[in-house]
Amino acid sequence: MAVRENDKFLTTSLTTPELLEIDMQVNTVRVVHISDDKTSCTGIYGSLTLMDKDVFYVIAGNTSLNPSSFGPTQGSWSVYRATLRRHPHPTRKPAHVSLVADFPDSDMLNGITRLQKQKK
């Protein structure tokens, strides 16, 4: 979970490829992005990090929640950049999402964080 510039929370869903915005002031949840390619991932892992003003990096991949095959799917994990800055055209999607990197040899990505640049 992360806090956006507008003080709303951004979170993910393990069972659907969605980014969700939670507004605690009015008790609402709004979908800010649904994966365009429904076959690319079944969920977005709960790891996301703020990289810049309203720009987040998010981990996505396939995880089975079925008790007989519970667990992550090897080779399905990727990191995406989600830009939530306001677009001038209201007909556009609230978030622009682009692939940063695939991790085909990973079993599962577990966490993401931003490291600060060293000051000189």
Protein backbone atom coordinates (compact mmCIF):
# COMPACT_ATOMS: atom_id res chain seq x y z
CA MET A 1 0.00 0.00 0.00
CA ALA A 2 1.22 3.51 -0.76
CA VAL A 3 -0.05 7.04 -0.22
CA ARG A 4 -0.68 9.18 -3.30
CA GLU A 5 0.03 12.90 -3.60
CA ASN A 6 -3.71 13.53 -3.04
CA ASP A 7 -3.62 11.65 0.34
CA LYS A 8 -5.58 8.71 -1.08
CA PHE A 9 -4.21 5.19 -0.67
CA LEU A 10 -3.11 3.04 -3.59
CA THR A 11 -3.27 -0.73 -3.15
CA THR A 12 -3.42 -3.91 -5.20
CA SER A 13 -5.47 -7.06 -5.53
CA LEU A 14 -3.87 -10.50 -5.47
CA THR A 15 -6.88 -12.05 -7.22
CA THR A 16 -7.45 -9.47 -9.99
CA PRO A 17 -5.07 -7.40 -12.15
CA GLU A 18 -6.24 -4.09 -10.63
CA LEU A 19 -4.75 -1.05 -8.93
CA LEU A 20 -7.21 0.36 -6.41
CA GLU A 21 -7.46 3.84 -4.92
CA ILE A 22 -9.00 4.14 -1.45
CA ASP A 23 -10.44 7.48 -0.35
CA MET A 24 -10.85 7.40 3.43
CA GLN A 25 -12.59 10.80 3.47
CA VAL A 26 -15.66 9.46 1.64
CA ASN A 27 -15.14 5.70 2.23
CA THR A 28 -14.85 4.74 -1.46
CA VAL A 29 -12.70 2.38 -3.47
CA ARG A 30 -12.05 3.18 -7.14
CA VAL A 31 -10.28 1.05 -9.74
CA VAL A 32 -7.55 3.20 -11.30
CA HIS A 33 -6.21 0.51 -13.63
CA ILE A 34 -7.21 -2.89 -14.93
CA SER A 35 -4.67 -4.82 -16.97
CA ASP A 36 -5.45 -4.54 -20.68
CA ASP A 37 -4.07 -8.01 -21.25
CA LYS A 38 -6.15 -10.28 -19.01
CA THR A 39 -3.79 -13.19 -19.73
CA SER A 40 -0.66 -11.36 -18.56
CA CYS A 41 -1.34 -11.73 -14.85
CA THR A 42 -4.04 -12.95 -12.52
CA GLY A 43 -3.20 -10.48 -9.80
CA ILE A 44 -0.98 -7.66 -8.70
CA TYR A 45 1.19 -8.58 -5.76
CA GLY A 46 0.94 -6.23 -2.79
CA SER A 47 4.31 -4.63 -3.44
CA LEU A 48 4.41 -1.17 -4.89
CA THR A 49 6.66 1.81 -4.29
CA LEU A 50 6.52 5.52 -5.02
CA MET A 51 9.22 6.51 -7.53
CA ASP A 52 8.18 10.10 -8.29
CA LYS A 53 5.12 12.30 -7.81
CA ASP A 54 2.20 9.93 -8.59
CA VAL A 55 4.50 7.43 -10.32
CA PHE A 56 4.67 3.93 -8.80
CA TYR A 57 6.48 0.70 -9.59
CA VAL A 58 4.28 -2.36 -9.10
CA ILE A 59 4.96 -6.12 -9.03
CA ALA A 60 2.54 -8.31 -11.01
CA GLY A 61 2.36 -12.02 -11.73
CA ASN A 62 0.31 -15.18 -11.49
CA THR A 63 -0.54 -16.77 -8.18
CA SER A 64 -2.88 -19.69 -7.68
CA LEU A 65 -5.11 -19.45 -4.62
CA ASN A 66 -6.52 -22.93 -5.23
CA PRO A 67 -5.67 -25.13 -2.20
CA SER A 68 -4.48 -27.98 -4.43
CA SER A 69 -2.06 -25.77 -6.39
CA PHE A 70 -1.50 -22.81 -4.06
CA GLY A 71 1.49 -20.63 -4.86
CA PRO A 72 3.19 -18.39 -7.41
CA THR A 73 3.73 -19.32 -11.05
CA GLN A 74 7.39 -19.34 -12.01
CA GLY A 75 8.28 -17.04 -14.90
CA SER A 76 5.11 -14.93 -14.74
CA TRP A 77 6.53 -12.05 -12.69
CA SER A 78 7.14 -8.53 -13.97
CA VAL A 79 7.57 -4.98 -12.70
CA TYR A 80 5.37 -2.23 -14.17
CA ARG A 81 5.44 1.56 -13.97
CA ALA A 82 2.06 3.11 -13.17
CA THR A 83 1.73 6.84 -13.80
CA LEU A 84 -1.33 8.33 -12.11
CA ARG A 85 -0.79 11.98 -12.94
CA ARG A 86 -3.95 13.70 -14.12
CA HIS A 87 -4.46 13.64 -17.88
CA PRO A 88 -5.98 16.73 -19.56
CA HIS A 89 -8.52 14.50 -21.34
CA PRO A 90 -11.13 12.90 -19.02
CA THR A 91 -11.79 10.11 -21.54
CA ARG A 92 -8.33 8.63 -20.95
CA LYS A 93 -7.66 5.94 -18.37
CA PRO A 94 -6.74 7.27 -14.93
CA ALA A 95 -3.43 5.36 -14.99
CA HIS A 96 -0.87 4.80 -17.71
CA VAL A 97 0.92 1.49 -17.12
CA SER A 98 4.04 0.31 -18.93
CA LEU A 99 6.35 -2.68 -18.53
CA VAL A 100 9.68 -2.01 -16.81
CA ALA A 101 11.12 -5.55 -16.77
CA ASP A 102 10.15 -9.22 -16.94
CA PHE A 103 11.71 -11.75 -14.57
CA PRO A 104 11.31 -15.06 -16.42
CA ASP A 105 13.60 -17.05 -14.10
CA SER A 106 12.00 -15.94 -10.83
CA ASP A 107 9.62 -17.99 -8.73
CA MET A 108 8.15 -14.84 -7.18
CA LEU A 109 9.18 -11.25 -6.56
CA ASN A 110 8.87 -10.39 -2.89
CA GLY A 111 9.02 -6.65 -2.30
CA ILE A 112 10.14 -3.50 -4.03
CA THR A 113 11.56 -0.26 -2.69
CA ARG A 114 13.18 2.90 -3.94
CA LEU A 115 16.77 3.64 -2.97
CA GLN A 116 17.74 7.28 -2.64
CA LYS A 117 20.47 8.75 -4.79
CA GLN A 118 23.67 9.47 -2.94
CA LYS A 119 24.13 13.20 -2.35
CA LYS A 120 27.51 14.62 -3.32
